Amino acid sequence: MGNIQTVHSVRKVSFEDIVDTVYKNKHAYLLINTLAITDQECLITHTTPAQMEESIVNQLISGNKEHPIIMYGKNTNDTSVLVKYEQLSKLGFTNIMVYPGGLFEWCLLQEIYGSEMFPTTSKVNDLYAYRPQKTLHMNLLTQY
């Protein structure tokens, strides 16, 4: 996963691609998430339920490794999507994409534009829970 070439070669999609997937092509793509099993209460609509993911992936392994797979995590700093990307690549899947904004970006867009345009399986009560964690731990006021 630490290979910089791997990170740069990951195919990314935008929220507009996800909107198209949700509304126009919901069966043409496998939409999966990398959130913890305990964080499955709010997902982008048409996300494959976590408990069904393994059996669907196994069916695709024996049937169609070119089937488009889109995955997302909690937020833009969630590296679990890169781990899952690598796992699926090693299984021979060739059409894998990542929505880097993750559930956090989707829920922010839902807050602004509404749940009709950005649907989820349930209403988010705490957007802050999906935010990326700080990565720069410096005290900016006393640094200089």
C-alpha atoms as a PDB file:
ATOM      1  CA  MET A   1       0.000   0.000   0.000  1.00  0.00           C
ATOM      2  CA  GLY A   2       2.891   2.396   0.638  1.00  0.00           C
ATOM      3  CA  ASN A   3       3.923   2.258  -2.998  1.00  0.00           C
ATOM      4  CA  ILE A   4       3.475   5.781  -4.384  1.00  0.00           C
ATOM      5  CA  GLN A   5       2.871   4.390  -7.869  1.00  0.00           C
ATOM      6  CA  THR A   6      -0.097   2.420  -6.524  1.00  0.00           C
ATOM      7  CA  VAL A   7      -1.601   5.495  -4.887  1.00  0.00           C
ATOM      8  CA  HIS A   8      -1.276   7.538  -8.071  1.00  0.00           C
ATOM      9  CA  SER A   9      -2.647   4.781 -10.286  1.00  0.00           C
ATOM     10  CA  VAL A  10      -5.898   4.469  -8.337  1.00  0.00           C
ATOM     11  CA  ARG A  11      -8.793   5.464 -10.576  1.00  0.00           C
ATOM     12  CA  LYS A  12     -10.938   8.067  -8.836  1.00  0.00           C
ATOM     13  CA  VAL A  13     -14.536   9.141  -9.403  1.00  0.00           C
ATOM     14  CA  SER A  14     -16.356  12.274  -8.287  1.00  0.00           C
ATOM     15  CA  PHE A  15     -19.627  12.731  -6.448  1.00  0.00           C
ATOM     16  CA  GLU A  16     -21.267  13.357  -9.835  1.00  0.00           C
ATOM     17  CA  ASP A  17     -20.252   9.860 -10.927  1.00  0.00           C
ATOM     18  CA  ILE A  18     -21.827   8.485  -7.762  1.00  0.00           C
ATOM     19  CA  VAL A  19     -25.032  10.452  -8.435  1.00  0.00           C
ATOM     20  CA  ASP A  20     -25.163   8.890 -11.908  1.00  0.00           C
ATOM     21  CA  THR A  21     -24.594   5.464 -10.354  1.00  0.00           C
ATOM     22  CA  VAL A  22     -27.347   5.957  -7.768  1.00  0.00           C
ATOM     23  CA  TYR A  23     -29.926   7.251 -10.242  1.00  0.00           C
ATOM     24  CA  LYS A  24     -29.089   5.864 -13.669  1.00  0.00           C
ATOM     25  CA  ASN A  25     -26.880   2.789 -13.424  1.00  0.00           C
ATOM     26  CA  LYS A  26     -27.484   1.292  -9.994  1.00  0.00           C
ATOM     27  CA  HIS A  27     -27.099  -2.285 -11.270  1.00  0.00           C
ATOM     28  CA  ALA A  28     -24.209  -1.558 -13.629  1.00  0.00           C
ATOM     29  CA  TYR A  29     -21.797  -0.932 -10.739  1.00  0.00           C
ATOM     30  CA  LEU A  30     -21.028  -2.644  -7.479  1.00  0.00           C
ATOM     31  CA  LEU A  31     -20.976   0.144  -4.886  1.00  0.00           C
ATOM     32  CA  ILE A  32     -19.176  -0.932  -1.712  1.00  0.00           C
ATOM     33  CA  ASN A  33     -17.909   0.838   1.386  1.00  0.00           C
ATOM     34  CA  THR A  34     -14.968   0.273   3.691  1.00  0.00           C
ATOM     35  CA  LEU A  35     -16.539   1.600   6.878  1.00  0.00           C
ATOM     36  CA  ALA A  36     -16.324  -0.524  10.010  1.00  0.00           C
ATOM     37  CA  ILE A  37     -19.067  -3.114  10.345  1.00  0.00           C
ATOM     38  CA  THR A  38     -20.343  -1.094  13.326  1.00  0.00           C
ATOM     39  CA  ASP A  39     -20.672   2.029  11.118  1.00  0.00           C
ATOM     40  CA  GLN A  40     -23.085   0.642   8.517  1.00  0.00           C
ATOM     41  CA  GLU A  41     -26.218   2.489   9.669  1.00  0.00           C
ATOM     42  CA  CYS A  42     -25.822   5.364   7.182  1.00  0.00           C
ATOM     43  CA  LEU A  43     -24.554   4.586   3.681  1.00  0.00           C
ATOM     44  CA  ILE A  44     -24.928   6.025   0.207  1.00  0.00           C
ATOM     45  CA  THR A  45     -28.124   4.603  -1.284  1.00  0.00           C
ATOM     46  CA  HIS A  46     -27.574   1.392  -3.312  1.00  0.00           C
ATOM     47  CA  THR A  47     -24.392   0.522  -1.427  1.00  0.00           C
ATOM     48  CA  THR A  48     -24.054  -3.242  -1.228  1.00  0.00           C
ATOM     49  CA  PRO A  49     -24.772  -4.334   2.356  1.00  0.00           C
ATOM     50  CA  ALA A  50     -21.533  -5.367   4.091  1.00  0.00           C
ATOM     51  CA  GLN A  51     -22.906  -8.817   4.940  1.00  0.00           C
ATOM     52  CA  MET A  52     -23.547  -9.513   1.212  1.00  0.00           C
ATOM     53  CA  GLU A  53     -20.291  -8.090  -0.138  1.00  0.00           C
ATOM     54  CA  GLU A  54     -18.161 -11.223   0.190  1.00  0.00           C
ATOM     55  CA  SER A  55     -20.614 -13.494  -1.626  1.00  0.00           C
ATOM     56  CA  ILE A  56     -21.111 -10.962  -4.438  1.00  0.00           C
ATOM     57  CA  VAL A  57     -17.352 -10.507  -4.853  1.00  0.00           C
ATOM     58  CA  ASN A  58     -16.938 -14.309  -4.925  1.00  0.00           C
ATOM     59  CA  GLN A  59     -19.591 -14.546  -7.664  1.00  0.00           C
ATOM     60  CA  LEU A  60     -17.745 -11.896  -9.658  1.00  0.00           C
ATOM     61  CA  ILE A  61     -14.413 -13.703  -9.198  1.00  0.00           C
ATOM     62  CA  SER A  62     -15.821 -16.735 -10.959  1.00  0.00           C
ATOM     63  CA  GLY A  63     -17.886 -14.750 -13.438  1.00  0.00           C
ATOM     64  CA  ASN A  64     -16.828 -11.227 -14.331  1.00  0.00           C
ATOM     65  CA  LYS A  65     -13.662  -9.637 -12.951  1.00  0.00           C
ATOM     66  CA  GLU A  66     -14.225  -6.657 -15.262  1.00  0.00           C
ATOM     67  CA  HIS A  67     -17.479  -5.676 -13.520  1.00  0.00           C
ATOM     68  CA  PRO A  68     -17.120  -2.035 -12.396  1.00  0.00           C
ATOM     69  CA  ILE A  69     -16.606  -1.639  -8.653  1.00  0.00           C
ATOM     70  CA  ILE A  70     -16.824   1.732  -6.927  1.00  0.00           C
ATOM     71  CA  MET A  71     -15.798   1.964  -3.309  1.00  0.00           C
ATOM     72  CA  TYR A  72     -15.782   4.685  -0.709  1.00  0.00           C
ATOM     73  CA  GLY A  73     -14.693   5.113   2.866  1.00  0.00           C
ATOM     74  CA  LYS A  74     -15.465   7.437   5.715  1.00  0.00           C
ATOM     75  CA  ASN A  75     -13.713  10.509   4.278  1.00  0.00           C
ATOM     76  CA  THR A  76     -10.847  11.679   2.110  1.00  0.00           C
ATOM     77  CA  ASN A  77      -8.204  10.546   4.630  1.00  0.00           C
ATOM     78  CA  ASP A  78      -9.612   7.029   4.998  1.00  0.00           C
ATOM     79  CA  THR A  79      -6.836   4.741   3.748  1.00  0.00           C
ATOM     80  CA  SER A  80      -8.986   1.618   4.079  1.00  0.00           C
ATOM     81  CA  VAL A  81     -10.155   2.213   0.492  1.00  0.00           C
ATOM     82  CA  LEU A  82      -6.561   1.834  -0.703  1.00  0.00           C
ATOM     83  CA  VAL A  83      -6.193  -1.412   1.239  1.00  0.00           C
ATOM     84  CA  LYS A  84      -9.444  -2.746  -0.260  1.00  0.00           C
ATOM     85  CA  TYR A  85      -8.369  -1.509  -3.712  1.00  0.00           C
ATOM     86  CA  GLU A  86      -5.154  -3.498  -3.421  1.00  0.00           C
ATOM     87  CA  GLN A  87      -7.016  -6.608  -2.215  1.00  0.00           C
ATOM     88  CA  LEU A  88      -9.454  -6.493  -5.131  1.00  0.00           C
ATOM     89  CA  SER A  89      -6.628  -5.856  -7.598  1.00  0.00           C
ATOM     90  CA  LYS A  90      -4.776  -8.926  -6.315  1.00  0.00           C
ATOM     91  CA  LEU A  91      -7.960 -10.950  -6.846  1.00  0.00           C
ATOM     92  CA  GLY A  92      -7.820  -9.949 -10.518  1.00  0.00           C
ATOM     93  CA  PHE A  93     -10.431  -7.197 -10.680  1.00  0.00           C
ATOM     94  CA  THR A  94      -9.565  -4.680 -13.375  1.00  0.00           C
ATOM     95  CA  ASN A  95     -12.276  -2.019 -13.183  1.00  0.00           C
ATOM     96  CA  ILE A  96     -11.993  -0.627  -9.649  1.00  0.00           C
ATOM     97  CA  MET A  97     -12.673   3.007  -8.794  1.00  0.00           C
ATOM     98  CA  VAL A  98     -12.518   5.021  -5.577  1.00  0.00           C
ATOM     99  CA  TYR A  99     -14.771   7.881  -4.488  1.00  0.00           C
ATOM    100  CA  PRO A 100     -12.198   9.746  -2.357  1.00  0.00           C
ATOM    101  CA  GLY A 101     -14.627  12.184  -0.722  1.00  0.00           C
ATOM    102  CA  GLY A 102     -16.306   9.305   1.018  1.00  0.00           C
ATOM    103  CA  LEU A 103     -19.383   9.422   3.170  1.00  0.00           C
ATOM    104  CA  PHE A 104     -18.336  12.732   4.740  1.00  0.00           C
ATOM    105  CA  GLU A 105     -18.383  14.625   1.435  1.00  0.00           C
ATOM    106  CA  TRP A 106     -21.616  12.907   0.382  1.00  0.00           C
ATOM    107  CA  CYS A 107     -23.356  13.881   3.635  1.00  0.00           C
ATOM    108  CA  LEU A 108     -22.115  17.471   3.373  1.00  0.00           C
ATOM    109  CA  LEU A 109     -23.564  17.640  -0.134  1.00  0.00           C
ATOM    110  CA  GLN A 110     -26.783  16.140   1.210  1.00  0.00           C
ATOM    111  CA  GLU A 111     -26.890  18.874   3.854  1.00  0.00           C
ATOM    112  CA  ILE A 112     -26.557  21.573   1.181  1.00  0.00           C
ATOM    113  CA  TYR A 113     -28.546  20.125  -1.734  1.00  0.00           C
ATOM    114  CA  GLY A 114     -30.914  17.728  -0.013  1.00  0.00           C
ATOM    115  CA  SER A 115     -31.414  14.010   0.407  1.00  0.00           C
ATOM    116  CA  GLU A 116     -33.323  13.734  -2.847  1.00  0.00           C
ATOM    117  CA  MET A 117     -30.164  14.517  -4.802  1.00  0.00           C
ATOM    118  CA  PHE A 118     -27.738  12.847  -2.355  1.00  0.00           C
ATOM    119  CA  PRO A 119     -29.685   9.969  -0.785  1.00  0.00           C
ATOM    120  CA  THR A 120     -28.473   7.847   2.103  1.00  0.00           C
ATOM    121  CA  THR A 121     -29.934   4.823   3.833  1.00  0.00           C
ATOM    122  CA  SER A 122     -30.645   6.920   6.939  1.00  0.00           C
ATOM    123  CA  LYS A 123     -30.413  10.514   8.102  1.00  0.00           C
ATOM    124  CA  VAL A 124     -27.064  11.635   9.482  1.00  0.00           C
ATOM    125  CA  ASN A 125     -27.413  13.330  12.847  1.00  0.00           C
ATOM    126  CA  ASP A 126     -23.735  14.111  13.372  1.00  0.00           C
ATOM    127  CA  LEU A 127     -21.806  15.081  10.225  1.00  0.00           C
ATOM    128  CA  TYR A 128     -18.765  15.802  12.368  1.00  0.00           C
ATOM    129  CA  ALA A 129     -18.460  12.093  13.174  1.00  0.00           C
ATOM    130  CA  TYR A 130     -17.413  11.419   9.561  1.00  0.00           C
ATOM    131  CA  ARG A 131     -14.858  14.233   9.304  1.00  0.00           C
ATOM    132  CA  PRO A 132     -11.204  13.499   8.561  1.00  0.00           C
ATOM    133  CA  GLN A 133      -8.991  13.549  11.627  1.00  0.00           C
ATOM    134  CA  LYS A 134      -6.338  16.229  11.898  1.00  0.00           C
ATOM    135  CA  THR A 135      -3.003  15.161  10.512  1.00  0.00           C
ATOM    136  CA  LEU A 136      -0.939  18.232  11.371  1.00  0.00           C
ATOM    137  CA  HIS A 137      -0.537  18.319  15.121  1.00  0.00           C
ATOM    138  CA  MET A 138       1.263  21.598  15.593  1.00  0.00           C
ATOM    139  CA  ASN A 139       0.452  24.594  17.681  1.00  0.00           C
ATOM    140  CA  LEU A 140       0.375  27.334  15.060  1.00  0.00           C
ATOM    141  CA  LEU A 141       0.238  30.212  17.559  1.00  0.00           C
ATOM    142  CA  THR A 142       3.406  29.294  19.426  1.00  0.00           C
ATOM    143  CA  GLN A 143       5.441  27.781  16.633  1.00  0.00           C
ATOM    144  CA  TYR A 144       7.263  30.972  15.652  1.00  0.00           C
END
